[in-house]
Amino acid sequence: IHFVRETGDLLGIKITDAENDAIDADFSDLTFNNISIRNAGNDCFDVSESVVELKALIARKVKDKGISAGENSKVRVESVNLKGVGIGLVSKDGSELLVDNLIITDTKLPLSTFIKKAEYDDPILSVDKITADDRISALKSFGSKLTVPNYVNVKELRSSEIESQMYGAKYGVETQK
């Protein structure tokens, strides 16, 4: 599903077997109650230049990112439950991704912040509570703001170093166009 310049409130979306991104939102202002995704070939939920409020997201078997907030997006989520996701939560390019509760299992890279496009400011990623089956790690670019519980293992790198590990190089999958 691709939302472009849309405004509205949606009760719920359930998608199974998405070939690429399951949900994209560009230049939109949306509120979702529940999103459930199973088997996405790329991102579960990808937002660009958008404002999004989301009560609950459940994702299973997503090859790339659970939530990808990019290009000055403002995303607020109450609850995220990810299992079998390549990369959990990503905030990049001036975006702000705020999550109250994250449950995450079987994920190579749980959290990341970086600048992909030089014309944007540093991103913000904040997660209040994390429940996981393994040690949680994060890649944070210099200058970005990452607020997570103190047990998260944060590695700080240049944005270019983080980006070089994304898109199938080490984490996730190559973007299909």
C-alpha atoms as a PDB file:
ATOM      1  CA  ILE A   1       0.000   0.000   0.000  1.00  0.00           C
ATOM      2  CA  HIS A   2       1.415   3.392  -0.948  1.00  0.00           C
ATOM      3  CA  PHE A   3      -0.023   6.552   0.595  1.00  0.00           C
ATOM      4  CA  VAL A   4       0.994   9.784  -1.170  1.00  0.00           C
ATOM      5  CA  ARG A   5      -0.199  13.159   0.138  1.00  0.00           C
ATOM      6  CA  GLU A   6      -2.942  11.447   2.141  1.00  0.00           C
ATOM      7  CA  THR A   7      -4.591  12.504   5.386  1.00  0.00           C
ATOM      8  CA  GLY A   8      -6.730  10.266   7.533  1.00  0.00           C
ATOM      9  CA  ASP A   9      -7.376   7.800  10.318  1.00  0.00           C
ATOM     10  CA  LEU A  10      -7.225   4.068   9.627  1.00  0.00           C
ATOM     11  CA  LEU A  11      -8.471   1.409  12.006  1.00  0.00           C
ATOM     12  CA  GLY A  12      -6.243  -1.384  10.814  1.00  0.00           C
ATOM     13  CA  ILE A  13      -4.210  -2.826   7.986  1.00  0.00           C
ATOM     14  CA  LYS A  14      -3.193  -6.461   7.613  1.00  0.00           C
ATOM     15  CA  ILE A  15      -0.827  -7.480   4.809  1.00  0.00           C
ATOM     16  CA  THR A  16       0.571 -10.917   4.058  1.00  0.00           C
ATOM     17  CA  ASP A  17       3.241 -11.656   1.434  1.00  0.00           C
ATOM     18  CA  ALA A  18       4.239  -8.194   0.210  1.00  0.00           C
ATOM     19  CA  GLU A  19       6.817  -8.492  -2.572  1.00  0.00           C
ATOM     20  CA  ASN A  20       8.567  -5.206  -1.623  1.00  0.00           C
ATOM     21  CA  ASP A  21       7.618  -2.618   1.027  1.00  0.00           C
ATOM     22  CA  ALA A  22       4.350  -3.520   2.734  1.00  0.00           C
ATOM     23  CA  ILE A  23       3.346   0.092   3.541  1.00  0.00           C
ATOM     24  CA  ASP A  24       4.828   3.353   2.255  1.00  0.00           C
ATOM     25  CA  ALA A  25       3.675   6.812   3.308  1.00  0.00           C
ATOM     26  CA  ASP A  26       5.056   9.878   1.507  1.00  0.00           C
ATOM     27  CA  PHE A  27       4.075  13.487   2.319  1.00  0.00           C
ATOM     28  CA  SER A  28       1.152  12.206   4.392  1.00  0.00           C
ATOM     29  CA  ASP A  29      -0.483  12.852   7.773  1.00  0.00           C
ATOM     30  CA  LEU A  30      -1.907   9.540   9.007  1.00  0.00           C
ATOM     31  CA  THR A  31      -3.132   7.872  12.188  1.00  0.00           C
ATOM     32  CA  PHE A  32      -3.291   4.076  12.396  1.00  0.00           C
ATOM     33  CA  ASN A  33      -4.825   1.911  15.089  1.00  0.00           C
ATOM     34  CA  ASN A  34      -3.183  -1.408  14.185  1.00  0.00           C
ATOM     35  CA  ILE A  35      -0.844  -2.655  11.473  1.00  0.00           C
ATOM     36  CA  SER A  36      -0.006  -6.344  11.035  1.00  0.00           C
ATOM     37  CA  ILE A  37       2.525  -7.468   8.423  1.00  0.00           C
ATOM     38  CA  ARG A  38       3.702 -11.001   7.662  1.00  0.00           C
ATOM     39  CA  ASN A  39       6.328 -11.704   4.993  1.00  0.00           C
ATOM     40  CA  ALA A  40       7.560  -8.467   3.438  1.00  0.00           C
ATOM     41  CA  GLY A  41      10.292  -8.580   0.814  1.00  0.00           C
ATOM     42  CA  ASN A  42      11.647  -5.201   1.891  1.00  0.00           C
ATOM     43  CA  ASP A  43      10.431  -2.727   4.568  1.00  0.00           C
ATOM     44  CA  CYS A  44       7.378  -3.282   6.727  1.00  0.00           C
ATOM     45  CA  PHE A  45       6.530   0.413   7.212  1.00  0.00           C
ATOM     46  CA  ASP A  46       8.471   3.109   5.318  1.00  0.00           C
ATOM     47  CA  VAL A  47       7.673   6.807   5.792  1.00  0.00           C
ATOM     48  CA  SER A  48       9.085   9.890   4.089  1.00  0.00           C
ATOM     49  CA  GLU A  49       8.206  13.563   4.758  1.00  0.00           C
ATOM     50  CA  SER A  50       5.213  12.350   6.795  1.00  0.00           C
ATOM     51  CA  VAL A  51       3.587  12.677  10.205  1.00  0.00           C
ATOM     52  CA  VAL A  52       2.337   9.343  11.564  1.00  0.00           C
ATOM     53  CA  GLU A  53       0.682   8.231  14.809  1.00  0.00           C
ATOM     54  CA  LEU A  54       0.437   4.478  15.318  1.00  0.00           C
ATOM     55  CA  LYS A  55      -1.025   2.533  18.204  1.00  0.00           C
ATOM     56  CA  ALA A  56       0.389  -0.943  17.433  1.00  0.00           C
ATOM     57  CA  LEU A  57       2.578  -2.534  14.783  1.00  0.00           C
ATOM     58  CA  ILE A  58       3.190  -6.280  14.579  1.00  0.00           C
ATOM     59  CA  ALA A  59       5.662  -7.540  11.967  1.00  0.00           C
ATOM     60  CA  ARG A  60       6.841 -11.057  11.221  1.00  0.00           C
ATOM     61  CA  LYS A  61       9.393 -12.154   8.618  1.00  0.00           C
ATOM     62  CA  VAL A  62      10.384  -8.780   7.167  1.00  0.00           C
ATOM     63  CA  LYS A  63      13.575  -8.867   5.097  1.00  0.00           C
ATOM     64  CA  ASP A  64      14.592  -5.233   5.650  1.00  0.00           C
ATOM     65  CA  LYS A  65      13.341  -2.644   8.172  1.00  0.00           C
ATOM     66  CA  GLY A  66      10.436  -2.907  10.615  1.00  0.00           C
ATOM     67  CA  ILE A  67       9.992   0.883  10.647  1.00  0.00           C
ATOM     68  CA  SER A  68      12.023   3.184   8.434  1.00  0.00           C
ATOM     69  CA  ALA A  69      11.454   6.865   9.223  1.00  0.00           C
ATOM     70  CA  GLY A  70      13.133   9.130   6.693  1.00  0.00           C
ATOM     71  CA  GLU A  71      13.230  12.617   5.225  1.00  0.00           C
ATOM     72  CA  ASN A  72      11.964  14.760   8.125  1.00  0.00           C
ATOM     73  CA  SER A  73       9.192  12.370   9.179  1.00  0.00           C
ATOM     74  CA  LYS A  74       7.655  12.502  12.635  1.00  0.00           C
ATOM     75  CA  VAL A  75       6.547   9.040  13.767  1.00  0.00           C
ATOM     76  CA  ARG A  76       5.012   8.249  17.162  1.00  0.00           C
ATOM     77  CA  VAL A  77       4.278   4.601  18.048  1.00  0.00           C
ATOM     78  CA  GLU A  78       2.836   3.139  21.253  1.00  0.00           C
ATOM     79  CA  SER A  79       3.797  -0.506  20.678  1.00  0.00           C
ATOM     80  CA  VAL A  80       6.023  -2.329  18.175  1.00  0.00           C
ATOM     81  CA  ASN A  81       6.395  -6.124  18.111  1.00  0.00           C
ATOM     82  CA  LEU A  82       9.024  -7.398  15.644  1.00  0.00           C
ATOM     83  CA  LYS A  83      10.104 -10.977  14.989  1.00  0.00           C
ATOM     84  CA  GLY A  84      12.357 -12.139  12.184  1.00  0.00           C
ATOM     85  CA  VAL A  85      13.109  -8.653  10.880  1.00  0.00           C
ATOM     86  CA  GLY A  86      16.395  -7.699   9.205  1.00  0.00           C
ATOM     87  CA  ILE A  87      16.663  -4.278  10.863  1.00  0.00           C
ATOM     88  CA  GLY A  88      14.249  -3.206  13.602  1.00  0.00           C
ATOM     89  CA  LEU A  89      13.844   0.579  13.819  1.00  0.00           C
ATOM     90  CA  VAL A  90      15.660   3.158  11.697  1.00  0.00           C
ATOM     91  CA  SER A  91      15.479   6.939  11.917  1.00  0.00           C
ATOM     92  CA  LYS A  92      17.380   8.839   9.261  1.00  0.00           C
ATOM     93  CA  ASP A  93      17.584  12.163   7.459  1.00  0.00           C
ATOM     94  CA  GLY A  94      16.136  14.574  10.011  1.00  0.00           C
ATOM     95  CA  SER A  95      13.369  12.233  11.162  1.00  0.00           C
ATOM     96  CA  GLU A  96      12.034  11.688  14.649  1.00  0.00           C
ATOM     97  CA  LEU A  97      10.914   8.167  15.607  1.00  0.00           C
ATOM     98  CA  LEU A  98       9.480   7.852  19.123  1.00  0.00           C
ATOM     99  CA  VAL A  99       8.447   4.418  20.438  1.00  0.00           C
ATOM    100  CA  ASP A 100       6.950   3.688  23.867  1.00  0.00           C
ATOM    101  CA  ASN A 101       7.346  -0.100  23.894  1.00  0.00           C
ATOM    102  CA  LEU A 102       9.434  -2.363  21.629  1.00  0.00           C
ATOM    103  CA  ILE A 103       9.316  -6.162  21.728  1.00  0.00           C
ATOM    104  CA  ILE A 104      11.963  -7.557  19.410  1.00  0.00           C
ATOM    105  CA  THR A 105      13.231 -11.070  18.653  1.00  0.00           C
ATOM    106  CA  ASP A 106      15.359 -12.666  15.944  1.00  0.00           C
ATOM    107  CA  THR A 107      16.590  -9.371  14.477  1.00  0.00           C
ATOM    108  CA  LYS A 108      20.161  -8.764  13.243  1.00  0.00           C
ATOM    109  CA  LEU A 109      20.256  -5.017  13.928  1.00  0.00           C
ATOM    110  CA  PRO A 110      17.554  -3.759  16.310  1.00  0.00           C
ATOM    111  CA  LEU A 111      18.172   0.028  16.127  1.00  0.00           C
ATOM    112  CA  SER A 112      19.934   2.517  13.871  1.00  0.00           C
ATOM    113  CA  THR A 113      20.241   6.249  13.185  1.00  0.00           C
ATOM    114  CA  PHE A 114      22.146   7.884  10.335  1.00  0.00           C
ATOM    115  CA  ILE A 115      22.079  10.498   7.591  1.00  0.00           C
ATOM    116  CA  LYS A 116      21.709   9.066   4.096  1.00  0.00           C
ATOM    117  CA  LYS A 117      21.102  12.369   2.288  1.00  0.00           C
ATOM    118  CA  ALA A 118      23.449  15.236   3.203  1.00  0.00           C
ATOM    119  CA  GLU A 119      20.774  17.932   2.894  1.00  0.00           C
ATOM    120  CA  TYR A 120      18.983  16.649   6.008  1.00  0.00           C
ATOM    121  CA  ASP A 121      19.683  17.207   9.701  1.00  0.00           C
ATOM    122  CA  ASP A 122      20.524  14.585  12.302  1.00  0.00           C
ATOM    123  CA  PRO A 123      17.751  12.095  13.158  1.00  0.00           C
ATOM    124  CA  ILE A 124      16.199  11.249  16.523  1.00  0.00           C
ATOM    125  CA  LEU A 125      15.283   7.758  17.744  1.00  0.00           C
ATOM    126  CA  SER A 126      13.826   7.229  21.199  1.00  0.00           C
ATOM    127  CA  VAL A 127      12.591   3.931  22.665  1.00  0.00           C
ATOM    128  CA  ASP A 128      11.306   3.975  26.251  1.00  0.00           C
ATOM    129  CA  LYS A 129      11.048   0.227  26.958  1.00  0.00           C
ATOM    130  CA  ILE A 130      12.611  -2.751  25.166  1.00  0.00           C
ATOM    131  CA  THR A 131      11.902  -6.447  25.663  1.00  0.00           C
ATOM    132  CA  ALA A 132      14.199  -8.759  23.713  1.00  0.00           C
ATOM    133  CA  ASP A 133      15.373 -12.357  23.451  1.00  0.00           C
ATOM    134  CA  ASP A 134      19.002 -11.323  23.113  1.00  0.00           C
ATOM    135  CA  ARG A 135      21.349  -8.420  23.793  1.00  0.00           C
ATOM    136  CA  ILE A 136      20.157  -5.286  22.052  1.00  0.00           C
ATOM    137  CA  SER A 137      22.553  -3.354  19.844  1.00  0.00           C
ATOM    138  CA  ALA A 138      22.315  -0.077  17.985  1.00  0.00           C
ATOM    139  CA  LEU A 139      24.304   1.789  15.367  1.00  0.00           C
ATOM    140  CA  LYS A 140      24.192   5.543  16.004  1.00  0.00           C
ATOM    141  CA  SER A 141      25.662   8.188  13.759  1.00  0.00           C
ATOM    142  CA  PHE A 142      27.697  11.001  15.278  1.00  0.00           C
ATOM    143  CA  GLY A 143      25.355  13.928  15.966  1.00  0.00           C
ATOM    144  CA  SER A 144      22.129  11.939  15.947  1.00  0.00           C
ATOM    145  CA  LYS A 145      20.099  11.577  19.123  1.00  0.00           C
ATOM    146  CA  LEU A 146      19.461   8.042  20.372  1.00  0.00           C
ATOM    147  CA  THR A 147      17.584   7.631  23.638  1.00  0.00           C
ATOM    148  CA  VAL A 148      17.300   4.009  24.778  1.00  0.00           C
ATOM    149  CA  PRO A 149      17.534   2.027  28.030  1.00  0.00           C
ATOM    150  CA  ASN A 150      21.095   1.865  29.396  1.00  0.00           C
ATOM    151  CA  TYR A 151      21.479  -1.874  28.671  1.00  0.00           C
ATOM    152  CA  VAL A 152      21.478  -1.264  24.906  1.00  0.00           C
ATOM    153  CA  ASN A 153      24.930  -1.693  23.346  1.00  0.00           C
ATOM    154  CA  VAL A 154      25.367   1.476  21.243  1.00  0.00           C
ATOM    155  CA  LYS A 155      28.141   1.773  18.674  1.00  0.00           C
ATOM    156  CA  GLU A 156      28.746   5.279  17.323  1.00  0.00           C
ATOM    157  CA  LEU A 157      29.995   5.589  13.737  1.00  0.00           C
ATOM    158  CA  ARG A 158      29.982   8.039  10.841  1.00  0.00           C
ATOM    159  CA  SER A 159      26.743   7.972   8.841  1.00  0.00           C
ATOM    160  CA  SER A 160      28.617   6.723   5.783  1.00  0.00           C
ATOM    161  CA  GLU A 161      29.948   3.769   7.791  1.00  0.00           C
ATOM    162  CA  ILE A 162      26.447   2.849   8.953  1.00  0.00           C
ATOM    163  CA  GLU A 163      24.905   3.269   5.511  1.00  0.00           C
ATOM    164  CA  SER A 164      27.623   1.038   4.022  1.00  0.00           C
ATOM    165  CA  GLN A 165      26.330  -1.788   6.246  1.00  0.00           C
ATOM    166  CA  MET A 166      22.685  -1.326   5.217  1.00  0.00           C
ATOM    167  CA  TYR A 167      20.729  -2.312   2.106  1.00  0.00           C
ATOM    168  CA  GLY A 168      21.917  -5.887   2.020  1.00  0.00           C
ATOM    169  CA  ALA A 169      25.637  -5.248   2.591  1.00  0.00           C
ATOM    170  CA  LYS A 170      25.489  -6.618   6.155  1.00  0.00           C
ATOM    171  CA  TYR A 171      21.956  -5.849   7.348  1.00  0.00           C
ATOM    172  CA  GLY A 172      18.615  -5.966   5.577  1.00  0.00           C
ATOM    173  CA  VAL A 173      18.238  -6.433   1.831  1.00  0.00           C
ATOM    174  CA  GLU A 174      19.013  -4.424  -1.266  1.00  0.00           C
ATOM    175  CA  THR A 175      16.198  -2.022  -2.152  1.00  0.00           C
ATOM    176  CA  GLN A 176      14.160  -3.293  -5.095  1.00  0.00           C
ATOM    177  CA  LYS A 177      12.915  -0.610  -7.519  1.00  0.00           C
END
